Protein backbone atom coordinates (compact mmCIF):
# COMPACT_ATOMS: atom_id res chain seq x y z
CA MET A 1 81.51 107.64 82.81
CA ILE A 2 82.51 104.50 84.62
CA LEU A 3 83.38 101.10 82.92
CA ILE A 4 84.29 98.05 84.33
CA LYS A 5 86.87 96.03 82.38
CA SER A 6 89.33 93.01 82.87
CA TRP A 7 93.00 93.55 82.99
CA ARG A 8 93.44 92.65 79.29
CA ASP A 9 91.08 95.37 78.46
CA ALA A 10 92.04 98.03 81.28
CA GLU A 11 96.04 97.66 81.37
CA GLN A 12 97.06 100.34 78.96
CA GLU A 13 94.86 103.02 80.40
CA ALA A 14 94.68 101.95 84.13
CA PHE A 15 98.46 101.73 84.17
CA SER A 16 99.12 105.14 82.53
CA ILE A 17 97.16 106.47 85.43
CA ARG A 18 98.69 104.35 87.92
CA LYS A 19 102.14 105.46 86.72
CA ASN A 20 101.25 108.94 86.72
CA VAL A 21 99.82 109.01 90.33
CA PHE A 22 101.63 106.41 92.07
CA ILE A 23 105.01 106.04 90.41
CA GLN A 24 105.64 109.89 89.37
CA GLU A 25 103.75 111.72 92.11
CA GLN A 26 104.34 109.64 95.00
CA GLY A 27 107.28 107.82 94.30
CA VAL A 28 106.09 104.19 94.47
CA PRO A 29 108.82 101.76 92.80
CA GLU A 30 107.34 100.83 89.53
CA GLU A 31 108.34 97.10 90.52
CA MET A 32 105.54 97.33 93.43
CA GLU A 33 103.00 99.06 91.25
CA LEU A 34 101.84 96.27 89.19
CA ASP A 35 101.19 92.75 90.77
CA GLU A 36 99.59 89.43 90.15
CA HIS A 37 96.38 90.60 91.51
CA ASP A 38 95.72 92.70 88.46
CA LEU A 39 95.26 89.93 86.31
CA THR A 40 92.09 88.64 88.33
CA ALA A 41 90.76 91.94 89.60
CA GLN A 42 87.88 93.89 87.89
CA HIS A 43 89.06 97.33 87.07
CA ALA A 44 86.85 100.53 87.06
CA LEU A 45 88.10 103.15 84.65
CA ALA A 46 86.59 106.71 84.87
CA TYR A 47 86.33 108.62 81.50
CA MET A 48 85.69 112.26 80.58
CA GLY A 49 84.74 112.07 76.97
CA SER A 50 87.28 109.73 75.58
CA GLN A 51 89.95 110.14 77.97
CA CYS A 52 90.53 107.83 80.88
CA ILE A 53 90.95 109.73 83.98
CA GLY A 54 90.65 107.62 86.63
CA THR A 55 91.06 104.09 87.92
CA ALA A 56 90.27 101.51 90.73
CA ARG A 57 90.11 97.60 90.99
CA LEU A 58 88.11 95.26 93.04
CA LEU A 59 89.76 91.83 94.03
CA THR A 60 87.38 89.08 95.15
CA LEU A 61 89.03 87.25 98.33
CA PRO A 62 87.56 83.95 99.98
CA GLY A 63 84.65 84.54 102.43
CA ASN A 64 82.63 86.85 100.48
CA THR A 65 85.43 89.57 101.01
CA GLY A 66 86.39 92.04 98.47
CA ARG A 67 89.37 94.54 98.45
CA ILE A 68 89.26 97.86 96.91
CA GLY A 69 92.60 99.31 95.75
CA ARG A 70 94.78 101.11 93.35
CA MET A 71 92.55 104.05 93.09
CA ALA A 72 94.17 106.80 91.36
CA ILE A 73 92.60 110.11 89.40
CA LEU A 74 94.80 112.46 87.73
CA ARG A 75 95.63 115.51 89.32
CA ASP A 76 93.57 117.85 87.20
CA TYR A 77 90.39 116.04 87.69
CA ARG A 78 90.52 115.37 91.50
CA ARG A 79 87.96 116.95 93.78
CA GLN A 80 85.39 116.78 91.15
CA GLY A 81 83.35 113.50 92.53
CA ILE A 82 85.33 111.20 90.42
CA GLY A 83 86.44 109.19 93.36
CA ARG A 84 82.90 108.93 94.65
CA GLN A 85 81.88 107.58 91.25
CA LEU A 86 84.39 104.93 91.22
CA LEU A 87 84.13 103.72 94.69
CA GLY A 88 80.32 103.71 94.39
CA THR A 89 80.58 101.62 91.20
CA LEU A 90 82.88 99.03 92.76
CA LEU A 91 80.65 98.77 95.96
CA GLU A 92 77.60 98.25 93.90
CA LEU A 93 79.56 95.69 91.77
CA SER A 94 80.64 93.96 95.25
CA LYS A 95 77.00 93.86 96.21
CA SER A 96 75.89 92.35 92.79
CA GLN A 97 78.41 89.77 93.28
CA GLY A 98 77.46 88.57 96.87
CA ILE A 99 80.49 90.41 98.44
CA THR A 100 79.29 91.17 102.10
CA GLN A 101 82.63 92.82 103.70
CA ILE A 102 84.94 95.08 101.40
CA GLU A 103 88.51 96.01 102.82
CA LEU A 104 91.18 98.37 101.90
CA HIS A 105 94.53 99.98 102.70
CA ALA A 106 93.89 103.71 102.75
CA GLN A 107 96.42 106.15 102.67
CA LEU A 108 96.24 108.51 105.69
CA ALA A 109 95.12 111.48 103.85
CA ALA A 110 92.20 109.47 102.06
CA ILE A 111 90.78 108.16 105.60
CA PRO A 112 88.08 110.73 105.74
CA PHE A 113 87.00 110.13 102.07
CA TYR A 114 86.28 106.38 102.91
CA GLU A 115 84.80 107.38 106.34
CA GLN A 116 82.08 109.04 104.28
CA PHE A 117 80.96 105.71 102.87
CA GLY A 118 80.87 103.93 106.27
CA PHE A 119 84.52 102.41 106.25
CA MET A 120 85.86 101.88 109.60
CA ALA A 121 89.80 102.44 110.39
CA GLN A 122 91.30 99.71 112.38
CA GLY A 123 94.43 98.45 113.27
CA GLU A 124 97.75 100.35 113.35
CA ILE A 125 99.33 102.63 111.07
CA TYR A 126 102.03 100.95 108.78
CA GLU A 127 103.96 101.87 105.48
CA GLU A 128 103.33 100.37 102.37
CA ALA A 129 105.62 101.75 99.46
CA GLY A 130 107.14 104.29 101.82
CA ILE A 131 103.60 105.65 102.41
CA ALA A 132 101.66 105.55 105.67
CA HIS A 133 98.33 103.49 105.30
CA ARG A 134 95.72 102.21 107.57
CA ASP A 135 93.61 99.13 107.12
CA MET A 136 89.79 100.21 106.70
CA ILE A 137 86.46 97.94 106.53
CA LEU A 138 83.04 98.06 105.31
CA SER A 139 80.12 95.55 105.98
CA ILE A 140 77.64 95.95 103.07
């Protein structure tokens, strides 16, 4: 089950997952993980029973553009379609809000996952929090 929540309602569960995945597993500095965009983003939370096991967020940007980010799934629940459900939910939410273009910053290992949804890599590879990324874009 995927629920869309405000940061006020999502913060405890979303940050717990992001801390586990980004800070503990991937070594992202804690001060980089939370940012000012969390307050205005819409947060998708994935549940198995009553346990929150995944999260992602959607930012609304000027010009009918959205940015999906902070997608994280607890290690024990990966490769079970949770990421597909989270991304699909945020793409549908984007369409319902009149967003026509989605961008994201993909870790290199995740590029094939996003390509399955029609995202196209663009631009150079760059480092974000010490991890190689590449921008991706999708017109919807």
